[in-house]
Amino acid sequence: MKTTTMGVKLDNDIRDRLKALGTAKERTPHWLMKKAIQEYLEKEEKREREKKEDQQRWQRYQDTGEYLDHEEAKKRLTRFADQARTKAAE
């Protein structure tokens, strides 16, 4: 994997906190920053995927008018769970 160096300007308080946490965790400030960025990206990318799915569902509802009410969704999910339990028991 190719890597690129990027600079981040941090105030002294954040820099000091990173150094202290790095020392406590026996990690470098670089490792902590990289880990924080990775976790943030994963969380935000998931949020964007869910938002896109919600928009698609809403558009499908507007196009077709089809939906499942709470009781019907509950029945279907219960049926799926029952089928999974039966299959697992076999």
N, C-alpha and C. Protein backbone atom coordinates (compact mmCIF):
# COMPACT_ATOMS: atom_id res chain seq x y z
N MET A 1 0.85 -1.17 0.00
CA MET A 1 0.00 0.00 0.00
C MET A 1 0.90 1.24 0.00
N LYS A 2 0.62 2.13 -0.90
CA LYS A 2 1.38 3.37 -1.00
C LYS A 2 0.91 4.34 0.09
N THR A 3 1.84 5.04 0.70
CA THR A 3 1.48 5.99 1.74
C THR A 3 1.88 7.40 1.33
N THR A 4 1.22 8.37 1.91
CA THR A 4 1.48 9.78 1.66
C THR A 4 1.54 10.49 3.00
N THR A 5 2.46 11.41 3.11
CA THR A 5 2.56 12.20 4.33
C THR A 5 1.69 13.43 4.18
N MET A 6 0.90 13.70 5.22
CA MET A 6 0.05 14.90 5.26
C MET A 6 0.30 15.59 6.59
N GLY A 7 0.31 16.89 6.57
CA GLY A 7 0.53 17.63 7.80
C GLY A 7 -0.78 18.06 8.44
N VAL A 8 -0.77 18.08 9.76
CA VAL A 8 -1.93 18.53 10.51
C VAL A 8 -1.42 19.53 11.55
N LYS A 9 -1.99 20.71 11.56
CA LYS A 9 -1.61 21.70 12.56
C LYS A 9 -2.45 21.48 13.82
N LEU A 10 -1.77 21.29 14.93
CA LEU A 10 -2.43 21.05 16.20
C LEU A 10 -2.00 22.11 17.19
N ASP A 11 -2.94 22.52 18.03
CA ASP A 11 -2.52 23.46 19.08
C ASP A 11 -1.74 22.69 20.14
N ASN A 12 -1.05 23.41 20.98
CA ASN A 12 -0.16 22.79 21.97
C ASN A 12 -0.90 21.86 22.92
N ASP A 13 -2.12 22.22 23.29
CA ASP A 13 -2.90 21.38 24.20
C ASP A 13 -3.16 20.01 23.59
N ILE A 14 -3.61 19.97 22.36
CA ILE A 14 -3.90 18.69 21.70
C ILE A 14 -2.61 17.89 21.52
N ARG A 15 -1.53 18.57 21.11
CA ARG A 15 -0.25 17.88 20.95
C ARG A 15 0.20 17.25 22.27
N ASP A 16 0.09 18.01 23.35
CA ASP A 16 0.49 17.49 24.67
C ASP A 16 -0.39 16.31 25.09
N ARG A 17 -1.69 16.42 24.82
CA ARG A 17 -2.59 15.32 25.17
C ARG A 17 -2.26 14.06 24.37
N LEU A 18 -1.95 14.23 23.09
CA LEU A 18 -1.56 13.08 22.26
C LEU A 18 -0.29 12.43 22.80
N LYS A 19 0.68 13.25 23.14
CA LYS A 19 1.93 12.70 23.68
C LYS A 19 1.68 11.94 24.98
N ALA A 20 0.86 12.52 25.87
CA ALA A 20 0.58 11.87 27.15
C ALA A 20 -0.17 10.56 26.96
N LEU A 21 -1.17 10.58 26.10
CA LEU A 21 -1.93 9.34 25.85
C LEU A 21 -1.05 8.30 25.18
N GLY A 22 -0.21 8.74 24.25
CA GLY A 22 0.71 7.82 23.59
C GLY A 22 1.64 7.16 24.59
N THR A 23 2.15 7.94 25.51
CA THR A 23 3.02 7.38 26.54
C THR A 23 2.26 6.37 27.39
N ALA A 24 1.05 6.72 27.79
CA ALA A 24 0.25 5.82 28.63
C ALA A 24 -0.08 4.52 27.91
N LYS A 25 -0.32 4.61 26.62
CA LYS A 25 -0.71 3.42 25.85
C LYS A 25 0.48 2.75 25.17
N GLU A 26 1.67 3.31 25.38
CA GLU A 26 2.88 2.81 24.73
C GLU A 26 2.72 2.82 23.21
N ARG A 27 2.20 3.92 22.71
CA ARG A 27 2.00 4.14 21.27
C ARG A 27 2.52 5.54 20.93
N THR A 28 2.81 5.73 19.67
CA THR A 28 3.27 7.05 19.25
C THR A 28 2.06 7.95 18.98
N PRO A 29 2.26 9.27 19.05
CA PRO A 29 1.18 10.17 18.66
C PRO A 29 0.73 9.91 17.22
N HIS A 30 1.67 9.57 16.36
CA HIS A 30 1.33 9.25 14.96
C HIS A 30 0.35 8.08 14.90
N TRP A 31 0.61 7.03 15.67
CA TRP A 31 -0.27 5.87 15.68
C TRP A 31 -1.67 6.26 16.16
N LEU A 32 -1.72 7.06 17.23
CA LEU A 32 -3.01 7.50 17.77
C LEU A 32 -3.79 8.31 16.74
N MET A 33 -3.12 9.22 16.06
CA MET A 33 -3.80 10.05 15.06
C MET A 33 -4.30 9.20 13.89
N LYS A 34 -3.46 8.27 13.44
CA LYS A 34 -3.86 7.40 12.33
C LYS A 34 -5.07 6.55 12.71
N LYS A 35 -5.03 5.99 13.93
CA LYS A 35 -6.14 5.16 14.42
C LYS A 35 -7.43 5.99 14.52
N ALA A 36 -7.31 7.20 15.05
CA ALA A 36 -8.49 8.07 15.20
C ALA A 36 -9.08 8.40 13.83
N ILE A 37 -8.24 8.69 12.87
CA ILE A 37 -8.73 9.01 11.52
C ILE A 37 -9.40 7.79 10.89
N GLN A 38 -8.79 6.62 11.03
CA GLN A 38 -9.39 5.40 10.48
C GLN A 38 -10.78 5.15 11.07
N GLU A 39 -10.88 5.25 12.40
CA GLU A 39 -12.17 5.00 13.05
C GLU A 39 -13.21 6.04 12.65
N TYR A 40 -12.80 7.29 12.54
CA TYR A 40 -13.73 8.34 12.12
C TYR A 40 -14.22 8.07 10.70
N LEU A 41 -13.30 7.74 9.80
CA LEU A 41 -13.70 7.46 8.42
C LEU A 41 -14.67 6.29 8.34
N GLU A 42 -14.39 5.22 9.07
CA GLU A 42 -15.29 4.06 9.05
C GLU A 42 -16.68 4.44 9.53
N LYS A 43 -16.75 5.21 10.62
CA LYS A 43 -18.04 5.62 11.17
C LYS A 43 -18.80 6.51 10.18
N GLU A 44 -18.12 7.47 9.60
CA GLU A 44 -18.78 8.40 8.70
C GLU A 44 -19.15 7.75 7.36
N GLU A 45 -18.31 6.84 6.87
CA GLU A 45 -18.64 6.12 5.64
C GLU A 45 -19.88 5.25 5.86
N LYS A 46 -19.97 4.61 7.02
CA LYS A 46 -21.15 3.81 7.35
C LYS A 46 -22.39 4.70 7.40
N ARG A 47 -22.26 5.85 8.04
CA ARG A 47 -23.38 6.79 8.12
C ARG A 47 -23.83 7.23 6.72
N GLU A 48 -22.89 7.47 5.83
CA GLU A 48 -23.24 7.87 4.46
C GLU A 48 -23.91 6.74 3.70
N ARG A 49 -23.43 5.49 3.89
CA ARG A 49 -24.08 4.35 3.23
C ARG A 49 -25.52 4.20 3.71
N GLU A 50 -25.72 4.33 5.03
CA GLU A 50 -27.08 4.21 5.59
C GLU A 50 -27.97 5.34 5.08
N LYS A 51 -27.43 6.53 4.99
CA LYS A 51 -28.19 7.67 4.48
C LYS A 51 -28.62 7.43 3.03
N LYS A 52 -27.69 6.88 2.23
CA LYS A 52 -28.01 6.58 0.83
C LYS A 52 -29.11 5.51 0.74
N GLU A 53 -28.99 4.47 1.58
CA GLU A 53 -30.01 3.42 1.60
C GLU A 53 -31.37 3.99 2.00
N ASP A 54 -31.38 4.86 3.00
CA ASP A 54 -32.63 5.49 3.43
C ASP A 54 -33.25 6.30 2.29
N GLN A 55 -32.42 7.03 1.58
CA GLN A 55 -32.93 7.83 0.47
C GLN A 55 -33.50 6.93 -0.63
N GLN A 56 -32.84 5.80 -0.89
CA GLN A 56 -33.35 4.86 -1.88
C GLN A 56 -34.68 4.26 -1.45
N ARG A 57 -34.76 3.92 -0.15
CA ARG A 57 -36.03 3.38 0.36
C ARG A 57 -37.15 4.40 0.24
N TRP A 58 -36.87 5.63 0.58
CA TRP A 58 -37.86 6.69 0.49
C TRP A 58 -38.30 6.89 -0.95
N GLN A 59 -37.34 6.87 -1.87
CA GLN A 59 -37.68 7.04 -3.28
C GLN A 59 -38.54 5.87 -3.77
N ARG A 60 -38.18 4.64 -3.32
CA ARG A 60 -38.97 3.47 -3.72
C ARG A 60 -40.40 3.59 -3.19
N TYR A 61 -40.56 4.07 -1.97
CA TYR A 61 -41.89 4.27 -1.40
C TYR A 61 -42.66 5.33 -2.21
N GLN A 62 -41.99 6.42 -2.53
CA GLN A 62 -42.66 7.47 -3.30
C GLN A 62 -43.06 6.98 -4.69
N ASP A 63 -42.22 6.12 -5.28
CA ASP A 63 -42.52 5.60 -6.62
C ASP A 63 -43.64 4.57 -6.61
N THR A 64 -43.68 3.72 -5.58
CA THR A 64 -44.61 2.59 -5.58
C THR A 64 -45.73 2.71 -4.55
N GLY A 65 -45.50 3.45 -3.49
CA GLY A 65 -46.47 3.53 -2.41
C GLY A 65 -46.48 2.30 -1.54
N GLU A 66 -45.58 1.34 -1.81
CA GLU A 66 -45.54 0.09 -1.04
C GLU A 66 -44.73 0.28 0.24
N TYR A 67 -45.20 -0.35 1.29
CA TYR A 67 -44.52 -0.29 2.57
C TYR A 67 -44.97 -1.47 3.42
N LEU A 68 -44.24 -1.72 4.50
CA LEU A 68 -44.65 -2.72 5.48
C LEU A 68 -44.98 -1.98 6.77
N ASP A 69 -46.16 -2.25 7.31
CA ASP A 69 -46.45 -1.66 8.61
C ASP A 69 -45.71 -2.46 9.68
N HIS A 70 -45.72 -1.96 10.88
CA HIS A 70 -44.96 -2.56 11.97
C HIS A 70 -45.35 -4.03 12.20
N GLU A 71 -46.62 -4.32 12.23
CA GLU A 71 -47.07 -5.68 12.51
C GLU A 71 -46.63 -6.66 11.42
N GLU A 72 -46.74 -6.25 10.16
CA GLU A 72 -46.32 -7.12 9.06
C GLU A 72 -44.81 -7.36 9.10
N ALA A 73 -44.04 -6.32 9.37
CA ALA A 73 -42.59 -6.46 9.47
C ALA A 73 -42.24 -7.41 10.61
N LYS A 74 -42.92 -7.26 11.73
CA LYS A 74 -42.68 -8.13 12.89
C LYS A 74 -42.98 -9.59 12.56
N LYS A 75 -44.09 -9.84 11.84
CA LYS A 75 -44.45 -11.20 11.45
C LYS A 75 -43.36 -11.81 10.56
N ARG A 76 -42.91 -11.03 9.58
CA ARG A 76 -41.90 -11.55 8.66
C ARG A 76 -40.59 -11.83 9.39
N LEU A 77 -40.17 -10.94 10.25
CA LEU A 77 -38.93 -11.15 10.98
C LEU A 77 -39.02 -12.35 11.91
N THR A 78 -40.17 -12.53 12.53
CA THR A 78 -40.37 -13.69 13.40
C THR A 78 -40.30 -14.98 12.58
N ARG A 79 -40.90 -14.96 11.41
CA ARG A 79 -40.88 -16.13 10.53
C ARG A 79 -39.43 -16.44 10.10
N PHE A 80 -38.66 -15.41 9.73
CA PHE A 80 -37.25 -15.62 9.36
C PHE A 80 -36.45 -16.21 10.53
N ALA A 81 -36.69 -15.68 11.72
CA ALA A 81 -35.98 -16.18 12.91
C ALA A 81 -36.34 -17.63 13.18
N ASP A 82 -37.62 -17.97 13.06
CA ASP A 82 -38.06 -19.34 13.27
C ASP A 82 -37.41 -20.28 12.25
N GLN A 83 -37.36 -19.86 11.01
CA GLN A 83 -36.73 -20.67 9.96
C GLN A 83 -35.25 -20.88 10.24
N ALA A 84 -34.57 -19.83 10.71
CA ALA A 84 -33.14 -19.92 11.02
C ALA A 84 -32.91 -20.89 12.17
N ARG A 85 -33.77 -20.81 13.21
CA ARG A 85 -33.63 -21.72 14.34
C ARG A 85 -33.86 -23.18 13.91
N THR A 86 -34.85 -23.39 13.07
CA THR A 86 -35.16 -24.74 12.58
C THR A 86 -33.98 -25.27 11.78
N LYS A 87 -33.43 -24.43 10.92
CA LYS A 87 -32.29 -24.85 10.10
C LYS A 87 -31.06 -25.14 10.95
N ALA A 88 -30.84 -24.34 11.97
CA ALA A 88 -29.69 -24.53 12.86
C ALA A 88 -29.82 -25.82 13.67
N ALA A 89 -31.06 -26.19 13.98
CA ALA A 89 -31.30 -27.40 14.78
C ALA A 89 -31.13 -28.68 13.96
N GLU A 90 -31.17 -28.55 12.65
CA GLU A 90 -31.09 -29.75 11.79
C GLU A 90 -29.71 -30.33 11.77
